[in-house]
C-alpha atoms as a PDB file:
ATOM      1  CA  MET A   1       0.000   0.000   0.000  1.00  0.00           C
ATOM      2  CA  ASN A   2       2.783   2.438   0.880  1.00  0.00           C
ATOM      3  CA  SER A   3       4.546   1.992  -2.463  1.00  0.00           C
ATOM      4  CA  ARG A   4       1.308   2.629  -4.351  1.00  0.00           C
ATOM      5  CA  LEU A   5       0.669   5.683  -2.201  1.00  0.00           C
ATOM      6  CA  LYS A   6       4.132   7.066  -2.974  1.00  0.00           C
ATOM      7  CA  LEU A   7       3.467   6.600  -6.689  1.00  0.00           C
ATOM      8  CA  VAL A   8       0.164   8.480  -6.364  1.00  0.00           C
ATOM      9  CA  MET A   9       1.909  11.361  -4.606  1.00  0.00           C
ATOM     10  CA  LYS A  10       4.574  11.465  -7.318  1.00  0.00           C
ATOM     11  CA  SER A  11       2.544  10.990 -10.515  1.00  0.00           C
ATOM     12  CA  GLY A  12      -1.062  11.632  -9.512  1.00  0.00           C
ATOM     13  CA  LYS A  13      -3.030  14.127  -7.440  1.00  0.00           C
ATOM     14  CA  ALA A  14      -4.007  13.665  -3.815  1.00  0.00           C
ATOM     15  CA  ILE A  15      -5.564  15.938  -1.202  1.00  0.00           C
ATOM     16  CA  LEU A  16      -4.444  15.700   2.411  1.00  0.00           C
ATOM     17  CA  GLY A  17      -6.648  16.712   5.299  1.00  0.00           C
ATOM     18  CA  TYR A  18     -10.147  16.305   6.626  1.00  0.00           C
ATOM     19  CA  LYS A  19     -11.714  19.570   5.438  1.00  0.00           C
ATOM     20  CA  ALA A  20     -10.259  19.441   1.944  1.00  0.00           C
ATOM     21  CA  SER A  21     -11.290  15.793   1.586  1.00  0.00           C
ATOM     22  CA  LEU A  22     -14.864  16.652   2.569  1.00  0.00           C
ATOM     23  CA  LYS A  23     -14.930  19.349  -0.120  1.00  0.00           C
ATOM     24  CA  ALA A  24     -13.603  16.887  -2.694  1.00  0.00           C
ATOM     25  CA  LEU A  25     -16.274  14.358  -1.684  1.00  0.00           C
ATOM     26  CA  ARG A  26     -19.067  16.919  -1.928  1.00  0.00           C
ATOM     27  CA  ARG A  27     -17.908  17.921  -5.413  1.00  0.00           C
ATOM     28  CA  SER A  28     -17.502  14.232  -6.423  1.00  0.00           C
ATOM     29  CA  LYS A  29     -13.838  14.811  -7.321  1.00  0.00           C
ATOM     30  CA  ALA A  30     -12.391  12.133  -5.018  1.00  0.00           C
ATOM     31  CA  LYS A  31     -11.971   8.638  -6.432  1.00  0.00           C
ATOM     32  CA  MET A  32     -10.781   7.030  -3.194  1.00  0.00           C
ATOM     33  CA  ILE A  33     -10.519   7.995   0.472  1.00  0.00           C
ATOM     34  CA  LEU A  34      -7.878   6.706   2.894  1.00  0.00           C
ATOM     35  CA  ILE A  35      -8.664   6.990   6.615  1.00  0.00           C
ATOM     36  CA  ALA A  36      -6.017   6.486   9.315  1.00  0.00           C
ATOM     37  CA  SER A  37      -6.683   3.969  12.072  1.00  0.00           C
ATOM     38  CA  ASN A  38      -6.730   6.566  14.863  1.00  0.00           C
ATOM     39  CA  CYS A  39      -9.099   9.003  13.139  1.00  0.00           C
ATOM     40  CA  PRO A  40     -11.924   9.986  15.533  1.00  0.00           C
ATOM     41  CA  HIS A  41     -15.037   7.850  15.145  1.00  0.00           C
ATOM     42  CA  LEU A  42     -17.363  10.771  14.397  1.00  0.00           C
ATOM     43  CA  ARG A  43     -15.138  12.009  11.564  1.00  0.00           C
ATOM     44  CA  LYS A  44     -14.721   8.489  10.246  1.00  0.00           C
ATOM     45  CA  SER A  45     -18.458   7.866  10.107  1.00  0.00           C
ATOM     46  CA  GLU A  46     -19.114  11.252   8.485  1.00  0.00           C
ATOM     47  CA  ILE A  47     -16.550  10.572   5.769  1.00  0.00           C
ATOM     48  CA  GLU A  48     -17.905   7.073   5.182  1.00  0.00           C
ATOM     49  CA  TYR A  49     -21.434   8.457   4.848  1.00  0.00           C
ATOM     50  CA  LEU A  50     -20.417  11.120   2.325  1.00  0.00           C
ATOM     51  CA  ALA A  51     -18.332   8.575   0.414  1.00  0.00           C
ATOM     52  CA  MET A  52     -21.352   6.288   0.206  1.00  0.00           C
ATOM     53  CA  LEU A  53     -23.429   9.120  -1.246  1.00  0.00           C
ATOM     54  CA  ALA A  54     -20.672  10.018  -3.726  1.00  0.00           C
ATOM     55  CA  LYS A  55     -20.078   6.320  -4.587  1.00  0.00           C
ATOM     56  CA  THR A  56     -16.399   6.609  -3.660  1.00  0.00           C
ATOM     57  CA  GLN A  57     -14.147   3.818  -2.375  1.00  0.00           C
ATOM     58  CA  VAL A  58     -13.053   3.998   1.264  1.00  0.00           C
ATOM     59  CA  HIS A  59      -9.904   2.257   2.487  1.00  0.00           C
ATOM     60  CA  HIS A  60      -9.083   2.035   6.187  1.00  0.00           C
ATOM     61  CA  TYR A  61      -5.319   2.518   6.381  1.00  0.00           C
ATOM     62  CA  ALA A  62      -3.632   0.093   8.777  1.00  0.00           C
ATOM     63  CA  GLY A  63      -1.301   2.671  10.325  1.00  0.00           C
ATOM     64  CA  ASP A  64      -2.080   5.744  12.395  1.00  0.00           C
ATOM     65  CA  ASN A  65      -2.091   9.342  11.174  1.00  0.00           C
ATOM     66  CA  THR A  66       1.670   9.699  11.629  1.00  0.00           C
ATOM     67  CA  ALA A  67       2.319   6.658   9.424  1.00  0.00           C
ATOM     68  CA  LEU A  68      -0.123   7.919   6.775  1.00  0.00           C
ATOM     69  CA  GLY A  69       1.600  11.298   6.654  1.00  0.00           C
ATOM     70  CA  THR A  70       5.010   9.630   6.403  1.00  0.00           C
ATOM     71  CA  ALA A  71       3.793   7.312   3.621  1.00  0.00           C
ATOM     72  CA  CYS A  72       2.783  10.400   1.652  1.00  0.00           C
ATOM     73  CA  GLY A  73       6.283  11.802   2.044  1.00  0.00           C
ATOM     74  CA  LYS A  74       5.182  14.599   4.369  1.00  0.00           C
ATOM     75  CA  PHE A  75       6.643  15.506   7.743  1.00  0.00           C
ATOM     76  CA  PHE A  76       3.282  15.958   9.445  1.00  0.00           C
ATOM     77  CA  ASN A  77       0.304  13.860  10.487  1.00  0.00           C
ATOM     78  CA  CYS A  78      -2.589  13.217   8.136  1.00  0.00           C
ATOM     79  CA  SER A  79      -5.739  11.414   9.246  1.00  0.00           C
ATOM     80  CA  VAL A  80      -7.651  11.613   5.945  1.00  0.00           C
ATOM     81  CA  LEU A  81      -6.339  11.518   2.387  1.00  0.00           C
ATOM     82  CA  SER A  82      -8.392  11.662  -0.792  1.00  0.00           C
ATOM     83  CA  ILE A  83      -7.061  10.549  -4.161  1.00  0.00           C
ATOM     84  CA  VAL A  84      -8.302  12.706  -7.029  1.00  0.00           C
ATOM     85  CA  ASP A  85      -6.082  11.311  -9.797  1.00  0.00           C
ATOM     86  CA  PRO A  86      -4.219   8.016  -9.269  1.00  0.00           C
ATOM     87  CA  GLY A  87      -1.610   8.780 -11.952  1.00  0.00           C
ATOM     88  CA  ASP A  88       0.519   5.737 -12.857  1.00  0.00           C
ATOM     89  CA  SER A  89      -0.513   3.824  -9.736  1.00  0.00           C
ATOM     90  CA  ASP A  90      -2.955   0.915  -9.686  1.00  0.00           C
ATOM     91  CA  ILE A  91      -4.214   1.802  -6.205  1.00  0.00           C
ATOM     92  CA  LEU A  92      -7.884   2.032  -7.241  1.00  0.00           C
ATOM     93  CA  THR A  93      -8.039  -1.440  -8.800  1.00  0.00           C
ATOM     94  CA  SER A  94      -5.789  -3.237  -6.294  1.00  0.00           C
ATOM     95  CA  THR A  95      -7.720  -2.279  -3.144  1.00  0.00           C
ATOM     96  CA  LYS A  96     -11.256  -3.088  -4.285  1.00  0.00           C
ATOM     97  CA  GLU A  97     -13.126  -5.092  -1.701  1.00  0.00           C
END
């Protein structure tokens, strides 16, 4: 998962953060949402609900928000990440459930 995420950050377009991800979901721009394991339950359920309405995939990332931020190549925490354009990565097809 981390290698695919790095490829998305390099060749595609991703939005980090809760508020920006909500905006992307409302505008139906997000193709997939990644949620960290220690994201608060209320936020998690709100994102899952909006993703269901927008027919967007949701993936629960195994690591916490520090690991998700590090996997993106950033030096800060990130609890929610939305992928707008996967680029050269096959992240959308490989994580279908």
